[in-house]
Amino acid sequence: APLGPRSAPALAALTGAAGGAGGIATSLAELPVTITLILHAIRRAAEAEGFDPDDPTIRVECLRVFSAGGPLSQDDGVNSSFIGARIALSGSAMQKVIASVAPKLAAAFGQKLMAQAVPILGAVAGATLNAAYLGYYREIAEIRFALLRLSQTHGAPQVLTAFQNAVAPPKLNR
């Protein structure tokens, strides 16, 4: 059964709590489950905009939600830090792999690692991080697929211009 808007964050928080309570080993064990939950939410966002999430092109777009920030080229890709944050818990060897494969994912997440040394704080940190990132990725996916749908309808240049105008800081009159 599909996970709804309430059950997915609850399940993500539960897996994060379980992973965080047990320290590094359980965090690594729960990471694939959490990534699956996030990818499921991204696929549902694509489907909500009328796209077939099994279409290879849409699958690539789903993965791009992980690898890029917003639709503007100067976006810093902050949303991609989740994978780096969670995988970084496995130690320096995994951090080196991440750094070589995807520099945007190499951000250290030492505070979470330190918190997970204490089971209760680790559980709270894991639950909070998972729920927050699930919500964030879901929102980014909704925006990305809405813009993709609008681009198909109205043309990419017009949609990009409208998006840039919408996110531009207001001009102050002096």
C-alpha atoms as a PDB file:
ATOM      1  CA  ALA A   1       0.000   0.000   0.000  1.00  0.00           C
ATOM      2  CA  PRO A   2       1.275   3.499  -0.790  1.00  0.00           C
ATOM      3  CA  LEU A   3       2.561   5.560   2.091  1.00  0.00           C
ATOM      4  CA  GLY A   4       0.493   8.658   2.662  1.00  0.00           C
ATOM      5  CA  PRO A   5       1.617  12.128   3.677  1.00  0.00           C
ATOM      6  CA  ARG A   6       1.401  11.215   7.372  1.00  0.00           C
ATOM      7  CA  SER A   7       2.601   7.618   7.424  1.00  0.00           C
ATOM      8  CA  ALA A   8       5.810   8.178   5.436  1.00  0.00           C
ATOM      9  CA  PRO A   9       7.250  10.805   7.843  1.00  0.00           C
ATOM     10  CA  ALA A  10       6.227   8.679  10.820  1.00  0.00           C
ATOM     11  CA  LEU A  11       7.928   5.619   9.355  1.00  0.00           C
ATOM     12  CA  ALA A  12      11.009   7.675   8.436  1.00  0.00           C
ATOM     13  CA  ALA A  13      11.173   9.008  11.996  1.00  0.00           C
ATOM     14  CA  LEU A  14      10.746   5.500  13.406  1.00  0.00           C
ATOM     15  CA  THR A  15      13.557   4.085  11.270  1.00  0.00           C
ATOM     16  CA  GLY A  16      15.752   7.071  12.134  1.00  0.00           C
ATOM     17  CA  ALA A  17      15.100   6.556  15.834  1.00  0.00           C
ATOM     18  CA  ALA A  18      15.921   2.861  15.574  1.00  0.00           C
ATOM     19  CA  GLY A  19      19.063   3.607  13.602  1.00  0.00           C
ATOM     20  CA  GLY A  20      20.164   6.398  15.880  1.00  0.00           C
ATOM     21  CA  ALA A  21      19.552   4.481  19.102  1.00  0.00           C
ATOM     22  CA  GLY A  22      21.945   1.720  18.120  1.00  0.00           C
ATOM     23  CA  GLY A  23      24.778   3.908  16.951  1.00  0.00           C
ATOM     24  CA  ILE A  24      26.766   3.644  13.757  1.00  0.00           C
ATOM     25  CA  ALA A  25      25.983   0.011  12.944  1.00  0.00           C
ATOM     26  CA  THR A  26      22.210   0.423  13.117  1.00  0.00           C
ATOM     27  CA  SER A  27      22.357   3.783  11.356  1.00  0.00           C
ATOM     28  CA  LEU A  28      24.028   2.096   8.405  1.00  0.00           C
ATOM     29  CA  ALA A  29      21.473  -0.712   8.495  1.00  0.00           C
ATOM     30  CA  GLU A  30      18.500   1.671   8.419  1.00  0.00           C
ATOM     31  CA  LEU A  31      19.917   3.968   5.741  1.00  0.00           C
ATOM     32  CA  PRO A  32      18.660   1.854   2.787  1.00  0.00           C
ATOM     33  CA  VAL A  33      15.166   1.784   4.304  1.00  0.00           C
ATOM     34  CA  THR A  34      15.155   5.549   4.741  1.00  0.00           C
ATOM     35  CA  ILE A  35      16.455   6.157   1.224  1.00  0.00           C
ATOM     36  CA  THR A  36      13.731   3.838  -0.085  1.00  0.00           C
ATOM     37  CA  LEU A  37      11.099   5.847   1.810  1.00  0.00           C
ATOM     38  CA  ILE A  38      12.444   9.096   0.370  1.00  0.00           C
ATOM     39  CA  LEU A  39      12.579   7.711  -3.176  1.00  0.00           C
ATOM     40  CA  HIS A  40       9.024   6.440  -2.771  1.00  0.00           C
ATOM     41  CA  ALA A  41       7.895   9.946  -1.759  1.00  0.00           C
ATOM     42  CA  ILE A  42       9.722  11.421  -4.762  1.00  0.00           C
ATOM     43  CA  ARG A  43       8.072   8.906  -7.119  1.00  0.00           C
ATOM     44  CA  ARG A  44       4.662   9.760  -5.624  1.00  0.00           C
ATOM     45  CA  ALA A  45       5.305  13.450  -6.317  1.00  0.00           C
ATOM     46  CA  ALA A  46       6.036  12.595  -9.955  1.00  0.00           C
ATOM     47  CA  GLU A  47       2.873  10.532 -10.154  1.00  0.00           C
ATOM     48  CA  ALA A  48       0.817  13.346  -8.606  1.00  0.00           C
ATOM     49  CA  GLU A  49       1.912  15.606 -11.483  1.00  0.00           C
ATOM     50  CA  GLY A  50       0.778  13.037 -14.046  1.00  0.00           C
ATOM     51  CA  PHE A  51       4.129  11.384 -14.781  1.00  0.00           C
ATOM     52  CA  ASP A  52       4.750   7.639 -14.918  1.00  0.00           C
ATOM     53  CA  PRO A  53       7.357   6.964 -12.201  1.00  0.00           C
ATOM     54  CA  ASP A  54       8.428   3.802 -14.068  1.00  0.00           C
ATOM     55  CA  ASP A  55       9.327   5.780 -17.212  1.00  0.00           C
ATOM     56  CA  PRO A  56      13.144   5.797 -17.487  1.00  0.00           C
ATOM     57  CA  THR A  57      13.207   9.571 -18.024  1.00  0.00           C
ATOM     58  CA  ILE A  58      11.143  10.148 -14.892  1.00  0.00           C
ATOM     59  CA  ARG A  59      13.321   7.718 -12.925  1.00  0.00           C
ATOM     60  CA  VAL A  60      16.300   9.888 -13.829  1.00  0.00           C
ATOM     61  CA  GLU A  61      14.382  12.978 -12.699  1.00  0.00           C
ATOM     62  CA  CYS A  62      13.640  11.236  -9.393  1.00  0.00           C
ATOM     63  CA  LEU A  63      17.350  10.618  -8.873  1.00  0.00           C
ATOM     64  CA  ARG A  64      18.107  14.238  -9.768  1.00  0.00           C
ATOM     65  CA  VAL A  65      16.089  15.309  -6.755  1.00  0.00           C
ATOM     66  CA  PHE A  66      18.896  13.747  -4.703  1.00  0.00           C
ATOM     67  CA  SER A  67      21.764  15.142  -6.736  1.00  0.00           C
ATOM     68  CA  ALA A  68      20.732  18.747  -7.225  1.00  0.00           C
ATOM     69  CA  GLY A  69      19.194  21.531  -5.255  1.00  0.00           C
ATOM     70  CA  GLY A  70      16.543  23.647  -6.923  1.00  0.00           C
ATOM     71  CA  PRO A  71      16.080  24.067 -10.673  1.00  0.00           C
ATOM     72  CA  LEU A  72      18.455  27.024 -10.934  1.00  0.00           C
ATOM     73  CA  SER A  73      22.054  26.231 -11.898  1.00  0.00           C
ATOM     74  CA  GLN A  74      23.524  28.290  -9.062  1.00  0.00           C
ATOM     75  CA  ASP A  75      21.624  26.284  -6.433  1.00  0.00           C
ATOM     76  CA  ASP A  76      24.014  24.858  -3.846  1.00  0.00           C
ATOM     77  CA  GLY A  77      22.544  21.352  -3.677  1.00  0.00           C
ATOM     78  CA  VAL A  78      21.979  21.486   0.076  1.00  0.00           C
ATOM     79  CA  ASN A  79      19.272  18.836  -0.146  1.00  0.00           C
ATOM     80  CA  SER A  80      21.854  16.278  -1.255  1.00  0.00           C
ATOM     81  CA  SER A  81      23.541  16.455   2.141  1.00  0.00           C
ATOM     82  CA  PHE A  82      21.206  13.822   3.632  1.00  0.00           C
ATOM     83  CA  ILE A  83      22.953  10.887   2.029  1.00  0.00           C
ATOM     84  CA  GLY A  84      26.321  12.292   2.985  1.00  0.00           C
ATOM     85  CA  ALA A  85      25.115  12.945   6.499  1.00  0.00           C
ATOM     86  CA  ARG A  86      23.834   9.439   7.036  1.00  0.00           C
ATOM     87  CA  ILE A  87      26.538   7.516   5.179  1.00  0.00           C
ATOM     88  CA  ALA A  88      29.305   9.567   6.797  1.00  0.00           C
ATOM     89  CA  LEU A  89      28.476   7.672   9.963  1.00  0.00           C
ATOM     90  CA  SER A  90      30.390   4.655   8.664  1.00  0.00           C
ATOM     91  CA  GLY A  91      33.773   6.305   9.050  1.00  0.00           C
ATOM     92  CA  SER A  92      36.544   7.834   7.015  1.00  0.00           C
ATOM     93  CA  ALA A  93      36.700   5.126   4.325  1.00  0.00           C
ATOM     94  CA  MET A  94      33.092   5.706   3.309  1.00  0.00           C
ATOM     95  CA  GLN A  95      33.588   9.467   3.491  1.00  0.00           C
ATOM     96  CA  LYS A  96      36.442   9.152   0.980  1.00  0.00           C
ATOM     97  CA  VAL A  97      34.244   7.129  -1.377  1.00  0.00           C
ATOM     98  CA  ILE A  98      31.467   9.690  -1.148  1.00  0.00           C
ATOM     99  CA  ALA A  99      33.912  12.551  -1.659  1.00  0.00           C
ATOM    100  CA  SER A 100      35.274  10.936  -4.802  1.00  0.00           C
ATOM    101  CA  VAL A 101      31.876  10.007  -6.244  1.00  0.00           C
ATOM    102  CA  ALA A 102      29.835  13.069  -5.377  1.00  0.00           C
ATOM    103  CA  PRO A 103      31.540  16.050  -3.725  1.00  0.00           C
ATOM    104  CA  LYS A 104      28.187  17.562  -2.790  1.00  0.00           C
ATOM    105  CA  LEU A 105      27.538  14.521  -0.581  1.00  0.00           C
ATOM    106  CA  ALA A 106      30.823  14.757   1.318  1.00  0.00           C
ATOM    107  CA  ALA A 107      29.652  17.242   3.939  1.00  0.00           C
ATOM    108  CA  ALA A 108      30.549  16.009   7.374  1.00  0.00           C
ATOM    109  CA  PHE A 109      27.781  15.504   9.867  1.00  0.00           C
ATOM    110  CA  GLY A 110      29.823  15.200  13.039  1.00  0.00           C
ATOM    111  CA  GLN A 111      27.141  16.497  15.388  1.00  0.00           C
ATOM    112  CA  LYS A 112      24.826  13.636  14.493  1.00  0.00           C
ATOM    113  CA  LEU A 113      27.657  11.125  14.871  1.00  0.00           C
ATOM    114  CA  MET A 114      28.460  12.487  18.323  1.00  0.00           C
ATOM    115  CA  ALA A 115      24.798  12.437  19.301  1.00  0.00           C
ATOM    116  CA  GLN A 116      24.491   8.828  18.225  1.00  0.00           C
ATOM    117  CA  ALA A 117      27.147   7.860  20.724  1.00  0.00           C
ATOM    118  CA  VAL A 118      24.395   8.309  23.297  1.00  0.00           C
ATOM    119  CA  PRO A 119      21.393   6.113  22.367  1.00  0.00           C
ATOM    120  CA  ILE A 120      18.585   8.457  23.405  1.00  0.00           C
ATOM    121  CA  LEU A 121      20.136  11.485  21.749  1.00  0.00           C
ATOM    122  CA  GLY A 122      20.981   9.325  18.742  1.00  0.00           C
ATOM    123  CA  ALA A 123      17.383   8.156  18.463  1.00  0.00           C
ATOM    124  CA  VAL A 124      16.078  11.720  18.647  1.00  0.00           C
ATOM    125  CA  ALA A 125      18.675  12.935  16.138  1.00  0.00           C
ATOM    126  CA  GLY A 126      17.950  10.064  13.737  1.00  0.00           C
ATOM    127  CA  ALA A 127      14.183  10.497  13.950  1.00  0.00           C
ATOM    128  CA  THR A 128      14.364  14.252  13.514  1.00  0.00           C
ATOM    129  CA  LEU A 129      16.821  14.114  10.632  1.00  0.00           C
ATOM    130  CA  ASN A 130      14.895  11.429   8.748  1.00  0.00           C
ATOM    131  CA  ALA A 131      11.521  13.153   9.111  1.00  0.00           C
ATOM    132  CA  ALA A 132      12.950  16.549   8.172  1.00  0.00           C
ATOM    133  CA  TYR A 133      14.766  15.299   5.104  1.00  0.00           C
ATOM    134  CA  LEU A 134      11.806  13.230   3.942  1.00  0.00           C
ATOM    135  CA  GLY A 135       9.664  16.363   4.069  1.00  0.00           C
ATOM    136  CA  TYR A 136      12.344  18.391   2.337  1.00  0.00           C
ATOM    137  CA  TYR A 137      12.906  15.904  -0.483  1.00  0.00           C
ATOM    138  CA  ARG A 138       9.155  15.544  -0.945  1.00  0.00           C
ATOM    139  CA  GLU A 139       8.790  19.310  -1.288  1.00  0.00           C
ATOM    140  CA  ILE A 140      11.703  19.562  -3.733  1.00  0.00           C
ATOM    141  CA  ALA A 141      10.202  16.709  -5.778  1.00  0.00           C
ATOM    142  CA  GLU A 142       6.799  18.403  -5.857  1.00  0.00           C
ATOM    143  CA  ILE A 143       8.405  21.605  -7.117  1.00  0.00           C
ATOM    144  CA  ARG A 144      10.616  19.822  -9.658  1.00  0.00           C
ATOM    145  CA  PHE A 145       7.776  17.779 -11.158  1.00  0.00           C
ATOM    146  CA  ALA A 146       5.354  20.712 -11.186  1.00  0.00           C
ATOM    147  CA  LEU A 147       7.964  22.737 -13.083  1.00  0.00           C
ATOM    148  CA  LEU A 148       8.561  19.817 -15.447  1.00  0.00           C
ATOM    149  CA  ARG A 149       4.830  19.538 -16.151  1.00  0.00           C
ATOM    150  CA  LEU A 150       4.560  23.297 -16.693  1.00  0.00           C
ATOM    151  CA  SER A 151       7.604  23.167 -18.999  1.00  0.00           C
ATOM    152  CA  GLN A 152       5.932  20.529 -21.128  1.00  0.00           C
ATOM    153  CA  THR A 153       2.815  22.671 -21.355  1.00  0.00           C
ATOM    154  CA  HIS A 154       4.270  26.169 -21.728  1.00  0.00           C
ATOM    155  CA  GLY A 155       7.891  25.632 -22.754  1.00  0.00           C
ATOM    156  CA  ALA A 156      10.987  25.441 -20.592  1.00  0.00           C
ATOM    157  CA  PRO A 157      12.320  28.980 -21.253  1.00  0.00           C
ATOM    158  CA  GLN A 158       9.055  30.631 -20.209  1.00  0.00           C
ATOM    159  CA  VAL A 159       8.750  28.501 -17.067  1.00  0.00           C
ATOM    160  CA  LEU A 160      12.388  29.090 -16.093  1.00  0.00           C
ATOM    161  CA  THR A 161      11.971  32.851 -16.528  1.00  0.00           C
ATOM    162  CA  ALA A 162       8.793  32.843 -14.432  1.00  0.00           C
ATOM    163  CA  PHE A 163      10.493  30.719 -11.762  1.00  0.00           C
ATOM    164  CA  GLN A 164      13.534  33.010 -11.648  1.00  0.00           C
ATOM    165  CA  ASN A 165      11.245  36.026 -11.265  1.00  0.00           C
ATOM    166  CA  ALA A 166       9.285  34.296  -8.511  1.00  0.00           C
ATOM    167  CA  VAL A 167      12.370  33.456  -6.441  1.00  0.00           C
ATOM    168  CA  ALA A 168      14.274  36.694  -7.099  1.00  0.00           C
ATOM    169  CA  PRO A 169      14.667  38.976  -4.110  1.00  0.00           C
ATOM    170  CA  PRO A 170      12.340  41.960  -4.255  1.00  0.00           C
ATOM    171  CA  LYS A 171      13.790  45.148  -5.664  1.00  0.00           C
ATOM    172  CA  LEU A 172      13.716  47.964  -3.180  1.00  0.00           C
ATOM    173  CA  ASN A 173      12.811  51.421  -4.420  1.00  0.00           C
ATOM    174  CA  ARG A 174      14.800  54.237  -2.860  1.00  0.00           C
END
